[in-house]
């Protein structure tokens, strides 16, 4: 069984891709928050937002657009939620972390059941102001053909270097 979290597809569909890359005109924190909420309304239920202890804004999406979370060829996005953590404390606000998690157990193609899944991708800014992934962690538990199991994955990206054009 192949589990695919389509975070790039989700944020492309949310029209948030421009917020992952800084432009010549860097948005201020309030403008970025307003643009995230406005674009999110076009594809999903409105996001709620809160500020954490570190001063970052967290947007929570109770539902996700279709094909945001795929298992093999099955779309389980209807049973998932998402969070976007925006670092508004630095000079250039950017999406620092993206999380997806299951909201309830989900049956996939009558042979598998996903009890729980969670995935998290973290980003940081390069010296040139471009965001890069620094970590991807995911965990999924469930059963397939009567066998229970759990899969954990953690990928750490290091030694980022700009690519010459």
Foldseek 3Di string as FASTA:
>chain_A
DDKDQQVVVQCVQLVCVCQLFADPDFDAPVVSVVSSQVSNVVFAPGWDWDADPVRKIKTKGPFGGWPNIDDPNRTPRRQKIKMWIWPNPDPGIHTFKIKMKGNAWDDDPPFWIWGIKMKMWGWDADPVGHIDTAKIWMKTWIDGNRDTDMDIDMDGDDDDDDDDD
